[in-house]
């Protein structure tokens, strides 16, 4: 993303910023998922 911001291509820089911004909630959701389900005991206690 920093390379895209420095690229001199305004369209590409905006696209990179959009993709970076859009990833925030996805990354946060994944982090929560990984924290919730990182043990066999938790998985066995609530498979559904």
ModelCIF file with pLDDT and N, C-alpha, C, O atoms, coordinates in Angstrom:
data_MODEL
#
_entry.id   MODEL 
#
_entity.id                         1 
_entity.type                       polymer 
_entity.pdbx_number_of_molecules   1 
#
_entity_poly.entity_id                      1 
_entity_poly.type                           'polypeptide(L)' 
_entity_poly.nstd_linkage                   no 
_entity_poly.nstd_monomer                   no 
_entity_poly.pdbx_seq_one_letter_code       
;(UNK)(UNK)(UNK)(UNK)(UNK)(UNK)(UNK)(UNK)(UNK)(UNK)(UNK)(UNK)(UNK)(UNK)(UNK)(UNK)
(UNK)(UNK)(UNK)(UNK)(UNK)(UNK)(UNK)(UNK)(UNK)(UNK)(UNK)(UNK)(UNK)(UNK)(UNK)(UNK)
(UNK)(UNK)(UNK)(UNK)(UNK)(UNK)(UNK)(UNK)(UNK)(UNK)(UNK)(UNK)(UNK)(UNK)(UNK)(UNK)
;
_entity_poly.pdbx_seq_one_letter_code_can   XXXXXXXXXXXXXXXXXXXXXXXXXXXXXXXXXXXXXXXXXXXXXXXX 
_entity_poly.pdbx_strand_id                 A 
#
loop_
_entity_poly_seq.entity_id 
_entity_poly_seq.num 
_entity_poly_seq.mon_id 
_entity_poly_seq.hetero 
1 1  UNK n 
1 2  UNK n 
1 3  UNK n 
1 4  UNK n 
1 5  UNK n 
1 6  UNK n 
1 7  UNK n 
1 8  UNK n 
1 9  UNK n 
1 10 UNK n 
1 11 UNK n 
1 12 UNK n 
1 13 UNK n 
1 14 UNK n 
1 15 UNK n 
1 16 UNK n 
1 17 UNK n 
1 18 UNK n 
1 19 UNK n 
1 20 UNK n 
1 21 UNK n 
1 22 UNK n 
1 23 UNK n 
1 24 UNK n 
1 25 UNK n 
1 26 UNK n 
1 27 UNK n 
1 28 UNK n 
1 29 UNK n 
1 30 UNK n 
1 31 UNK n 
1 32 UNK n 
1 33 UNK n 
1 34 UNK n 
1 35 UNK n 
1 36 UNK n 
1 37 UNK n 
1 38 UNK n 
1 39 UNK n 
1 40 UNK n 
1 41 UNK n 
1 42 UNK n 
1 43 UNK n 
1 44 UNK n 
1 45 UNK n 
1 46 UNK n 
1 47 UNK n 
1 48 UNK n 
#
_struct_asym.id          A 
_struct_asym.entity_id   1 
#
loop_
_ma_qa_metric.id 
_ma_qa_metric.mode 
_ma_qa_metric.name 
_ma_qa_metric.software_group_id 
_ma_qa_metric.type 
1 global pLDDT . pLDDT 
2 local  pLDDT . pLDDT 
#
_ma_qa_metric_global.metric_id      1 
_ma_qa_metric_global.metric_value   96.02 
_ma_qa_metric_global.model_id       1 
_ma_qa_metric_global.ordinal_id     1 
#
loop_
_ma_qa_metric_local.label_asym_id 
_ma_qa_metric_local.label_comp_id 
_ma_qa_metric_local.label_seq_id 
_ma_qa_metric_local.metric_id 
_ma_qa_metric_local.metric_value 
_ma_qa_metric_local.model_id 
_ma_qa_metric_local.ordinal_id 
A UNK 1  2 96.00 1 1  
A UNK 2  2 96.00 1 2  
A UNK 3  2 94.00 1 3  
A UNK 4  2 95.00 1 4  
A UNK 5  2 95.00 1 5  
A UNK 6  2 94.00 1 6  
A UNK 7  2 90.00 1 7  
A UNK 8  2 91.00 1 8  
A UNK 9  2 92.00 1 9  
A UNK 10 2 94.00 1 10 
A UNK 11 2 93.00 1 11 
A UNK 12 2 94.00 1 12 
A UNK 13 2 95.00 1 13 
A UNK 14 2 96.00 1 14 
A UNK 15 2 96.00 1 15 
A UNK 16 2 96.00 1 16 
A UNK 17 2 96.00 1 17 
A UNK 18 2 97.00 1 18 
A UNK 19 2 96.00 1 19 
A UNK 20 2 96.00 1 20 
A UNK 21 2 96.00 1 21 
A UNK 22 2 96.00 1 22 
A UNK 23 2 96.00 1 23 
A UNK 24 2 95.00 1 24 
A UNK 25 2 97.00 1 25 
A UNK 26 2 97.00 1 26 
A UNK 27 2 96.00 1 27 
A UNK 28 2 97.00 1 28 
A UNK 29 2 97.00 1 29 
A UNK 30 2 97.00 1 30 
A UNK 31 2 97.00 1 31 
A UNK 32 2 97.00 1 32 
A UNK 33 2 98.00 1 33 
A UNK 34 2 97.00 1 34 
A UNK 35 2 97.00 1 35 
A UNK 36 2 97.00 1 36 
A UNK 37 2 98.00 1 37 
A UNK 38 2 97.00 1 38 
A UNK 39 2 98.00 1 39 
A UNK 40 2 98.00 1 40 
A UNK 41 2 98.00 1 41 
A UNK 42 2 97.00 1 42 
A UNK 43 2 98.00 1 43 
A UNK 44 2 97.00 1 44 
A UNK 45 2 97.00 1 45 
A UNK 46 2 98.00 1 46 
A UNK 47 2 97.00 1 47 
A UNK 48 2 97.00 1 48 
#
loop_
_atom_site.group_PDB 
_atom_site.id 
_atom_site.type_symbol 
_atom_site.label_atom_id 
_atom_site.label_alt_id 
_atom_site.label_comp_id 
_atom_site.label_asym_id 
_atom_site.label_entity_id 
_atom_site.label_seq_id 
_atom_site.pdbx_PDB_ins_code 
_atom_site.Cartn_x 
_atom_site.Cartn_y 
_atom_site.Cartn_z 
_atom_site.occupancy 
_atom_site.B_iso_or_equiv 
_atom_site.pdbx_formal_charge 
_atom_site.auth_seq_id 
_atom_site.auth_comp_id 
_atom_site.auth_asym_id 
_atom_site.auth_atom_id 
_atom_site.pdbx_PDB_model_num 
ATOM 1   N N  . UNK A 1 1  ? 0.811   -1.220  0.000   1.00 96.00 ? 1  UNK A N  1 
ATOM 2   C CA . UNK A 1 1  ? 0.000   0.000   0.000   1.00 96.00 ? 1  UNK A CA 1 
ATOM 3   C C  . UNK A 1 1  ? 0.849   1.276   0.000   1.00 96.00 ? 1  UNK A C  1 
ATOM 4   O O  . UNK A 1 1  ? 0.526   2.213   -0.731  1.00 96.00 ? 1  UNK A O  1 
ATOM 5   N N  . UNK A 1 2  ? 1.917   1.342   0.792   1.00 96.00 ? 2  UNK A N  1 
ATOM 6   C CA . UNK A 1 2  ? 2.766   2.546   0.704   1.00 96.00 ? 2  UNK A CA 1 
ATOM 7   C C  . UNK A 1 2  ? 3.389   2.727   -0.688  1.00 96.00 ? 2  UNK A C  1 
ATOM 8   O O  . UNK A 1 2  ? 3.518   3.853   -1.168  1.00 96.00 ? 2  UNK A O  1 
ATOM 9   N N  . UNK A 1 3  ? 3.770   1.630   -1.329  1.00 94.00 ? 3  UNK A N  1 
ATOM 10  C CA . UNK A 1 3  ? 4.342   1.735   -2.683  1.00 94.00 ? 3  UNK A CA 1 
ATOM 11  C C  . UNK A 1 3  ? 3.311   2.283   -3.655  1.00 94.00 ? 3  UNK A C  1 
ATOM 12  O O  . UNK A 1 3  ? 3.647   3.073   -4.537  1.00 94.00 ? 3  UNK A O  1 
ATOM 13  N N  . UNK A 1 4  ? 2.090   1.881   -3.506  1.00 95.00 ? 4  UNK A N  1 
ATOM 14  C CA . UNK A 1 4  ? 1.032   2.397   -4.378  1.00 95.00 ? 4  UNK A CA 1 
ATOM 15  C C  . UNK A 1 4  ? 0.796   3.878   -4.133  1.00 95.00 ? 4  UNK A C  1 
ATOM 16  O O  . UNK A 1 4  ? 0.537   4.635   -5.068  1.00 95.00 ? 4  UNK A O  1 
ATOM 17  N N  . UNK A 1 5  ? 0.887   4.288   -2.879  1.00 95.00 ? 5  UNK A N  1 
ATOM 18  C CA . UNK A 1 5  ? 0.716   5.712   -2.565  1.00 95.00 ? 5  UNK A CA 1 
ATOM 19  C C  . UNK A 1 5  ? 1.847   6.544   -3.174  1.00 95.00 ? 5  UNK A C  1 
ATOM 20  O O  . UNK A 1 5  ? 1.636   7.695   -3.556  1.00 95.00 ? 5  UNK A O  1 
ATOM 21  N N  . UNK A 1 6  ? 3.028   5.969   -3.263  1.00 94.00 ? 6  UNK A N  1 
ATOM 22  C CA . UNK A 1 6  ? 4.190   6.683   -3.821  1.00 94.00 ? 6  UNK A CA 1 
ATOM 23  C C  . UNK A 1 6  ? 4.312   6.515   -5.332  1.00 94.00 ? 6  UNK A C  1 
ATOM 24  O O  . UNK A 1 6  ? 5.222   7.079   -5.939  1.00 94.00 ? 6  UNK A O  1 
ATOM 25  N N  . UNK A 1 7  ? 3.427   5.765   -5.937  1.00 90.00 ? 7  UNK A N  1 
ATOM 26  C CA . UNK A 1 7  ? 3.583   5.388   -7.345  1.00 90.00 ? 7  UNK A CA 1 
ATOM 27  C C  . UNK A 1 7  ? 3.426   6.544   -8.324  1.00 90.00 ? 7  UNK A C  1 
ATOM 28  O O  . UNK A 1 7  ? 3.915   6.463   -9.450  1.00 90.00 ? 7  UNK A O  1 
ATOM 29  N N  . UNK A 1 8  ? 2.763   7.601   -7.922  1.00 91.00 ? 8  UNK A N  1 
ATOM 30  C CA . UNK A 1 8  ? 2.499   8.692   -8.841  1.00 91.00 ? 8  UNK A CA 1 
ATOM 31  C C  . UNK A 1 8  ? 1.251   8.462   -9.687  1.00 91.00 ? 8  UNK A C  1 
ATOM 32  O O  . UNK A 1 8  ? 0.876   9.319   -10.488 1.00 91.00 ? 8  UNK A O  1 
ATOM 33  N N  . UNK A 1 9  ? 0.614   7.323   -9.513  1.00 92.00 ? 9  UNK A N  1 
ATOM 34  C CA . UNK A 1 9  ? -0.618  6.993   -10.221 1.00 92.00 ? 9  UNK A CA 1 
ATOM 35  C C  . UNK A 1 9  ? -1.771  7.195   -9.239  1.00 92.00 ? 9  UNK A C  1 
ATOM 36  O O  . UNK A 1 9  ? -2.014  6.360   -8.368  1.00 92.00 ? 9  UNK A O  1 
ATOM 37  N N  . UNK A 1 10 ? -2.481  8.323   -9.394  1.00 94.00 ? 10 UNK A N  1 
ATOM 38  C CA . UNK A 1 10 ? -3.533  8.684   -8.438  1.00 94.00 ? 10 UNK A CA 1 
ATOM 39  C C  . UNK A 1 10 ? -4.649  7.646   -8.402  1.00 94.00 ? 10 UNK A C  1 
ATOM 40  O O  . UNK A 1 10 ? -5.185  7.349   -7.333  1.00 94.00 ? 10 UNK A O  1 
ATOM 41  N N  . UNK A 1 11 ? -5.000  7.098   -9.546  1.00 93.00 ? 11 UNK A N  1 
ATOM 42  C CA . UNK A 1 11 ? -6.068  6.093   -9.602  1.00 93.00 ? 11 UNK A CA 1 
ATOM 43  C C  . UNK A 1 11 ? -5.651  4.841   -8.842  1.00 93.00 ? 11 UNK A C  1 
ATOM 44  O O  . UNK A 1 11 ? -6.434  4.283   -8.074  1.00 93.00 ? 11 UNK A O  1 
ATOM 45  N N  . UNK A 1 12 ? -4.426  4.407   -9.058  1.00 94.00 ? 12 UNK A N  1 
ATOM 46  C CA . UNK A 1 12 ? -3.919  3.228   -8.373  1.00 94.00 ? 12 UNK A CA 1 
ATOM 47  C C  . UNK A 1 12 ? -3.780  3.492   -6.871  1.00 94.00 ? 12 UNK A C  1 
ATOM 48  O O  . UNK A 1 12 ? -4.066  2.612   -6.059  1.00 94.00 ? 12 UNK A O  1 
ATOM 49  N N  . UNK A 1 13 ? -3.348  4.680   -6.506  1.00 95.00 ? 13 UNK A N  1 
ATOM 50  C CA . UNK A 1 13 ? -3.230  5.033   -5.092  1.00 95.00 ? 13 UNK A CA 1 
ATOM 51  C C  . UNK A 1 13 ? -4.602  4.989   -4.409  1.00 95.00 ? 13 UNK A C  1 
ATOM 52  O O  . UNK A 1 13 ? -4.725  4.484   -3.293  1.00 95.00 ? 13 UNK A O  1 
ATOM 53  N N  . UNK A 1 14 ? -5.630  5.519   -5.080  1.00 96.00 ? 14 UNK A N  1 
ATOM 54  C CA . UNK A 1 14 ? -6.990  5.484   -4.521  1.00 96.00 ? 14 UNK A CA 1 
ATOM 55  C C  . UNK A 1 14 ? -7.502  4.047   -4.410  1.00 96.00 ? 14 UNK A C  1 
ATOM 56  O O  . UNK A 1 14 ? -8.116  3.670   -3.412  1.00 96.00 ? 14 UNK A O  1 
ATOM 57  N N  . UNK A 1 15 ? -7.244  3.262   -5.434  1.00 96.00 ? 15 UNK A N  1 
ATOM 58  C CA . UNK A 1 15 ? -7.666  1.862   -5.407  1.00 96.00 ? 15 UNK A CA 1 
ATOM 59  C C  . UNK A 1 15 ? -6.991  1.126   -4.253  1.00 96.00 ? 15 UNK A C  1 
ATOM 60  O O  . UNK A 1 15 ? -7.633  0.365   -3.528  1.00 96.00 ? 15 UNK A O  1 
ATOM 61  N N  . UNK A 1 16 ? -5.692  1.360   -4.091  1.00 96.00 ? 16 UNK A N  1 
ATOM 62  C CA . UNK A 1 16 ? -4.970  0.741   -2.980  1.00 96.00 ? 16 UNK A CA 1 
ATOM 63  C C  . UNK A 1 16 ? -5.542  1.156   -1.638  1.00 96.00 ? 16 UNK A C  1 
ATOM 64  O O  . UNK A 1 16 ? -5.690  0.322   -0.744  1.00 96.00 ? 16 UNK A O  1 
ATOM 65  N N  . UNK A 1 17 ? -5.866  2.430   -1.485  1.00 96.00 ? 17 UNK A N  1 
ATOM 66  C CA . UNK A 1 17 ? -6.445  2.922   -0.230  1.00 96.00 ? 17 UNK A CA 1 
ATOM 67  C C  . UNK A 1 17 ? -7.803  2.279   0.024   1.00 96.00 ? 17 UNK A C  1 
ATOM 68  O O  . UNK A 1 17 ? -8.128  1.918   1.155   1.00 96.00 ? 17 UNK A O  1 
ATOM 69  N N  . UNK A 1 18 ? -8.588  2.139   -1.035  1.00 97.00 ? 18 UNK A N  1 
ATOM 70  C CA . UNK A 1 18 ? -9.901  1.507   -0.904  1.00 97.00 ? 18 UNK A CA 1 
ATOM 71  C C  . UNK A 1 18 ? -9.763  0.049   -0.470  1.00 97.00 ? 18 UNK A C  1 
ATOM 72  O O  . UNK A 1 18 ? -10.471 -0.408  0.427   1.00 97.00 ? 18 UNK A O  1 
ATOM 73  N N  . UNK A 1 19 ? -8.853  -0.670  -1.109  1.00 96.00 ? 19 UNK A N  1 
ATOM 74  C CA . UNK A 1 19 ? -8.658  -2.073  -0.735  1.00 96.00 ? 19 UNK A CA 1 
ATOM 75  C C  . UNK A 1 19 ? -8.133  -2.185  0.688   1.00 96.00 ? 19 UNK A C  1 
ATOM 76  O O  . UNK A 1 19 ? -8.535  -3.086  1.424   1.00 96.00 ? 19 UNK A O  1 
ATOM 77  N N  . UNK A 1 20 ? -7.247  -1.290  1.084   1.00 96.00 ? 20 UNK A N  1 
ATOM 78  C CA . UNK A 1 20 ? -6.722  -1.320  2.445   1.00 96.00 ? 20 UNK A CA 1 
ATOM 79  C C  . UNK A 1 20 ? -7.831  -1.031  3.452   1.00 96.00 ? 20 UNK A C  1 
ATOM 80  O O  . UNK A 1 20 ? -7.949  -1.721  4.465   1.00 96.00 ? 20 UNK A O  1 
ATOM 81  N N  . UNK A 1 21 ? -8.639  -0.018  3.177   1.00 96.00 ? 21 UNK A N  1 
ATOM 82  C CA . UNK A 1 21 ? -9.742  0.320   4.079   1.00 96.00 ? 21 UNK A CA 1 
ATOM 83  C C  . UNK A 1 21 ? -10.757 -0.812  4.173   1.00 96.00 ? 21 UNK A C  1 
ATOM 84  O O  . UNK A 1 21 ? -11.240 -1.130  5.259   1.00 96.00 ? 21 UNK A O  1 
ATOM 85  N N  . UNK A 1 22 ? -11.078 -1.419  3.033   1.00 96.00 ? 22 UNK A N  1 
ATOM 86  C CA . UNK A 1 22 ? -12.057 -2.507  3.003   1.00 96.00 ? 22 UNK A CA 1 
ATOM 87  C C  . UNK A 1 22 ? -11.580 -3.734  3.767   1.00 96.00 ? 22 UNK A C  1 
ATOM 88  O O  . UNK A 1 22 ? -12.392 -4.510  4.272   1.00 96.00 ? 22 UNK A O  1 
ATOM 89  N N  . UNK A 1 23 ? -10.268 -3.909  3.852   1.00 96.00 ? 23 UNK A N  1 
ATOM 90  C CA . UNK A 1 23 ? -9.728  -5.102  4.499   1.00 96.00 ? 23 UNK A CA 1 
ATOM 91  C C  . UNK A 1 23 ? -9.845  -5.037  6.015   1.00 96.00 ? 23 UNK A C  1 
ATOM 92  O O  . UNK A 1 23 ? -9.885  -6.078  6.670   1.00 96.00 ? 23 UNK A O  1 
ATOM 93  N N  . UNK A 1 24 ? -9.902  -3.843  6.583   1.00 95.00 ? 24 UNK A N  1 
ATOM 94  C CA . UNK A 1 24 ? -9.942  -3.698  8.039   1.00 95.00 ? 24 UNK A CA 1 
ATOM 95  C C  . UNK A 1 24 ? -10.995 -4.558  8.720   1.00 95.00 ? 24 UNK A C  1 
ATOM 96  O O  . UNK A 1 24 ? -10.657 -5.356  9.594   1.00 95.00 ? 24 UNK A O  1 
ATOM 97  N N  . UNK A 1 25 ? -12.269 -4.415  8.341   1.00 97.00 ? 25 UNK A N  1 
ATOM 98  C CA . UNK A 1 25 ? -13.301 -5.233  8.996   1.00 97.00 ? 25 UNK A CA 1 
ATOM 99  C C  . UNK A 1 25 ? -13.148 -6.726  8.733   1.00 97.00 ? 25 UNK A C  1 
ATOM 100 O O  . UNK A 1 25 ? -13.476 -7.545  9.592   1.00 97.00 ? 25 UNK A O  1 
ATOM 101 N N  . UNK A 1 26 ? -12.658 -7.080  7.566   1.00 97.00 ? 26 UNK A N  1 
ATOM 102 C CA . UNK A 1 26 ? -12.459 -8.501  7.251   1.00 97.00 ? 26 UNK A CA 1 
ATOM 103 C C  . UNK A 1 26 ? -11.352 -9.067  8.138   1.00 97.00 ? 26 UNK A C  1 
ATOM 104 O O  . UNK A 1 26 ? -11.489 -10.155 8.697   1.00 97.00 ? 26 UNK A O  1 
ATOM 105 N N  . UNK A 1 27 ? -10.264 -8.326  8.262   1.00 96.00 ? 27 UNK A N  1 
ATOM 106 C CA . UNK A 1 27 ? -9.154  -8.775  9.111   1.00 96.00 ? 27 UNK A CA 1 
ATOM 107 C C  . UNK A 1 27 ? -9.587  -8.867  10.565  1.00 96.00 ? 27 UNK A C  1 
ATOM 108 O O  . UNK A 1 27 ? -9.204  -9.799  11.272  1.00 96.00 ? 27 UNK A O  1 
ATOM 109 N N  . UNK A 1 28 ? -10.372 -7.919  11.004  1.00 97.00 ? 28 UNK A N  1 
ATOM 110 C CA . UNK A 1 28 ? -10.853 -7.936  12.388  1.00 97.00 ? 28 UNK A CA 1 
ATOM 111 C C  . UNK A 1 28 ? -11.754 -9.145  12.629  1.00 97.00 ? 28 UNK A C  1 
ATOM 112 O O  . UNK A 1 28 ? -11.645 -9.808  13.661  1.00 97.00 ? 28 UNK A O  1 
ATOM 113 N N  . UNK A 1 29 ? -12.640 -9.429  11.683  1.00 97.00 ? 29 UNK A N  1 
ATOM 114 C CA . UNK A 1 29 ? -13.519 -10.598 11.810  1.00 97.00 ? 29 UNK A CA 1 
ATOM 115 C C  . UNK A 1 29 ? -12.700 -11.887 11.821  1.00 97.00 ? 29 UNK A C  1 
ATOM 116 O O  . UNK A 1 29 ? -12.985 -12.798 12.598  1.00 97.00 ? 29 UNK A O  1 
ATOM 117 N N  . UNK A 1 30 ? -11.687 -11.965 10.964  1.00 97.00 ? 30 UNK A N  1 
ATOM 118 C CA . UNK A 1 30 ? -10.854 -13.162 10.936  1.00 97.00 ? 30 UNK A CA 1 
ATOM 119 C C  . UNK A 1 30 ? -10.088 -13.325 12.241  1.00 97.00 ? 30 UNK A C  1 
ATOM 120 O O  . UNK A 1 30 ? -9.983  -14.434 12.764  1.00 97.00 ? 30 UNK A O  1 
ATOM 121 N N  . UNK A 1 31 ? -9.553  -12.233 12.769  1.00 97.00 ? 31 UNK A N  1 
ATOM 122 C CA . UNK A 1 31 ? -8.814  -12.301 14.028  1.00 97.00 ? 31 UNK A CA 1 
ATOM 123 C C  . UNK A 1 31 ? -9.709  -12.831 15.149  1.00 97.00 ? 31 UNK A C  1 
ATOM 124 O O  . UNK A 1 31 ? -9.285  -13.675 15.938  1.00 97.00 ? 31 UNK A O  1 
ATOM 125 N N  . UNK A 1 32 ? -10.931 -12.342 15.216  1.00 97.00 ? 32 UNK A N  1 
ATOM 126 C CA . UNK A 1 32 ? -11.868 -12.841 16.218  1.00 97.00 ? 32 UNK A CA 1 
ATOM 127 C C  . UNK A 1 32 ? -12.171 -14.318 16.020  1.00 97.00 ? 32 UNK A C  1 
ATOM 128 O O  . UNK A 1 32 ? -12.226 -15.085 16.982  1.00 97.00 ? 32 UNK A O  1 
ATOM 129 N N  . UNK A 1 33 ? -12.364 -14.707 14.774  1.00 98.00 ? 33 UNK A N  1 
ATOM 130 C CA . UNK A 1 33 ? -12.608 -16.111 14.437  1.00 98.00 ? 33 UNK A CA 1 
ATOM 131 C C  . UNK A 1 33 ? -11.436 -16.977 14.912  1.00 98.00 ? 33 UNK A C  1 
ATOM 132 O O  . UNK A 1 33 ? -11.640 -18.007 15.555  1.00 98.00 ? 33 UNK A O  1 
ATOM 133 N N  . UNK A 1 34 ? -10.221 -16.557 14.592  1.00 97.00 ? 34 UNK A N  1 
ATOM 134 C CA . UNK A 1 34 ? -9.037  -17.340 14.960  1.00 97.00 ? 34 UNK A CA 1 
ATOM 135 C C  . UNK A 1 34 ? -8.883  -17.438 16.475  1.00 97.00 ? 34 UNK A C  1 
ATOM 136 O O  . UNK A 1 34 ? -8.468  -18.472 16.997  1.00 97.00 ? 34 UNK A O  1 
ATOM 137 N N  . UNK A 1 35 ? -9.214  -16.371 17.169  1.00 97.00 ? 35 UNK A N  1 
ATOM 138 C CA . UNK A 1 35 ? -9.125  -16.407 18.637  1.00 97.00 ? 35 UNK A CA 1 
ATOM 139 C C  . UNK A 1 35 ? -10.199 -17.301 19.258  1.00 97.00 ? 35 UNK A C  1 
ATOM 140 O O  . UNK A 1 35 ? -9.957  -17.961 20.269  1.00 97.00 ? 35 UNK A O  1 
ATOM 141 N N  . UNK A 1 36 ? -11.374 -17.319 18.652  1.00 97.00 ? 36 UNK A N  1 
ATOM 142 C CA . UNK A 1 36 ? -12.476 -18.138 19.188  1.00 97.00 ? 36 UNK A CA 1 
ATOM 143 C C  . UNK A 1 36 ? -12.252 -19.629 18.981  1.00 97.00 ? 36 UNK A C  1 
ATOM 144 O O  . UNK A 1 36 ? -12.651 -20.436 19.820  1.00 97.00 ? 36 UNK A O  1 
ATOM 145 N N  . UNK A 1 37 ? -11.625 -20.000 17.883  1.00 98.00 ? 37 UNK A N  1 
ATOM 146 C CA . UNK A 1 37 ? -11.614 -21.405 17.478  1.00 98.00 ? 37 UNK A CA 1 
ATOM 147 C C  . UNK A 1 37 ? -10.215 -21.998 17.397  1.00 98.00 ? 37 UNK A C  1 
ATOM 148 O O  . UNK A 1 37 ? -9.971  -22.860 16.553  1.00 98.00 ? 37 UNK A O  1 
ATOM 149 N N  . UNK A 1 38 ? -9.295  -21.567 18.243  1.00 97.00 ? 38 UNK A N  1 
ATOM 150 C CA . UNK A 1 38 ? -7.918  -22.042 18.152  1.00 97.00 ? 38 UNK A CA 1 
ATOM 151 C C  . UNK A 1 38 ? -7.590  -23.182 19.101  1.00 97.00 ? 38 UNK A C  1 
ATOM 152 O O  . UNK A 1 38 ? -6.422  -23.530 19.275  1.00 97.00 ? 38 UNK A O  1 
ATOM 153 N N  . UNK A 1 39 ? -8.617  -23.767 19.720  1.00 98.00 ? 39 UNK A N  1 
ATOM 154 C CA . UNK A 1 39 ? -8.375  -24.941 20.556  1.00 98.00 ? 39 UNK A CA 1 
ATOM 155 C C  . UNK A 1 39 ? -9.383  -26.036 20.207  1.00 98.00 ? 39 UNK A C  1 
ATOM 156 O O  . UNK A 1 39 ? -10.526 -25.762 19.839  1.00 98.00 ? 39 UNK A O  1 
ATOM 157 N N  . UNK A 1 40 ? -8.932  -27.266 20.331  1.00 98.00 ? 40 UNK A N  1 
ATOM 158 C CA . UNK A 1 40 ? -9.808  -28.417 20.049  1.00 98.00 ? 40 UNK A CA 1 
ATOM 159 C C  . UNK A 1 40 ? -11.002 -28.432 20.999  1.00 98.00 ? 40 UNK A C  1 
ATOM 160 O O  . UNK A 1 40 ? -12.105 -28.809 20.600  1.00 98.00 ? 40 UNK A O  1 
ATOM 161 N N  . UNK A 1 41 ? -10.794 -28.027 22.248  1.00 98.00 ? 41 UNK A N  1 
ATOM 162 C CA . UNK A 1 41 ? -11.884 -28.042 23.228  1.00 98.00 ? 41 UNK A CA 1 
ATOM 163 C C  . UNK A 1 41 ? -13.018 -27.117 22.805  1.00 98.00 ? 41 UNK A C  1 
ATOM 164 O O  . UNK A 1 41 ? -14.191 -27.483 22.893  1.00 98.00 ? 41 UNK A O  1 
ATOM 165 N N  . UNK A 1 42 ? -12.669 -25.925 22.349  1.00 97.00 ? 42 UNK A N  1 
ATOM 166 C CA . UNK A 1 42 ? -13.714 -24.976 21.912  1.00 97.00 ? 42 UNK A CA 1 
ATOM 167 C C  . UNK A 1 42 ? -14.456 -25.517 20.695  1.00 97.00 ? 42 UNK A C  1 
ATOM 168 O O  . UNK A 1 42 ? -15.676 -25.387 20.594  1.00 97.00 ? 42 UNK A O  1 
ATOM 169 N N  . UNK A 1 43 ? -13.723 -26.115 19.787  1.00 98.00 ? 43 UNK A N  1 
ATOM 170 C CA . UNK A 1 43 ? -14.350 -26.680 18.597  1.00 98.00 ? 43 UNK A CA 1 
ATOM 171 C C  . UNK A 1 43 ? -15.310 -27.806 18.967  1.00 98.00 ? 43 UNK A C  1 
ATOM 172 O O  . UNK A 1 43 ? -16.430 -27.869 18.459  1.00 98.00 ? 43 UNK A O  1 
ATOM 173 N N  . UNK A 1 44 ? -14.865 -28.694 19.855  1.00 97.00 ? 44 UNK A N  1 
ATOM 174 C CA . UNK A 1 44 ? -15.710 -29.821 20.262  1.00 97.00 ? 44 UNK A CA 1 
ATOM 175 C C  . UNK A 1 44 ? -16.935 -29.359 21.043  1.00 97.00 ? 44 UNK A C  1 
ATOM 176 O O  . UNK A 1 44 ? -17.989 -29.993 20.982  1.00 97.00 ? 44 UNK A O  1 
ATOM 177 N N  . UNK A 1 45 ? -16.798 -28.247 21.781  1.00 97.00 ? 45 UNK A N  1 
ATOM 178 C CA . UNK A 1 45 ? -17.923 -27.786 22.603  1.00 97.00 ? 45 UNK A CA 1 
ATOM 179 C C  . UNK A 1 45 ? -19.011 -27.096 21.780  1.00 97.00 ? 45 UNK A C  1 
ATOM 180 O O  . UNK A 1 45 ? -20.147 -26.980 22.237  1.00 97.00 ? 45 UNK A O  1 
ATOM 181 N N  . UNK A 1 46 ? -18.681 -26.645 20.588  1.00 98.00 ? 46 UNK A N  1 
ATOM 182 C CA . UNK A 1 46 ? -19.685 -25.950 19.769  1.00 98.00 ? 46 UNK A CA 1 
ATOM 183 C C  . UNK A 1 46 ? -19.382 -26.129 18.281  1.00 98.00 ? 46 UNK A C  1 
ATOM 184 O O  . UNK A 1 46 ? -19.058 -25.163 17.590  1.00 98.00 ? 46 UNK A O  1 
ATOM 185 N N  . UNK A 1 47 ? -19.488 -27.360 17.790  1.00 97.00 ? 47 UNK A N  1 
ATOM 186 C CA . UNK A 1 47 ? -19.150 -27.593 16.384  1.00 97.00 ? 47 UNK A CA 1 
ATOM 187 C C  . UNK A 1 47 ? -20.031 -26.815 15.404  1.00 97.00 ? 47 UNK A C  1 
ATOM 188 O O  . UNK A 1 47 ? -19.551 -26.358 14.367  1.00 97.00 ? 47 UNK A O  1 
ATOM 189 N N  . UNK A 1 48 ? -21.320 -26.664 15.728  1.00 97.00 ? 48 UNK A N  1 
ATOM 190 C CA . UNK A 1 48 ? -22.192 -25.920 14.819  1.00 97.00 ? 48 UNK A CA 1 
ATOM 191 C C  . UNK A 1 48 ? -21.874 -24.428 14.848  1.00 97.00 ? 48 UNK A C  1 
ATOM 192 O O  . UNK A 1 48 ? -22.513 -23.647 14.143  1.00 97.00 ? 48 UNK A O  1 
#
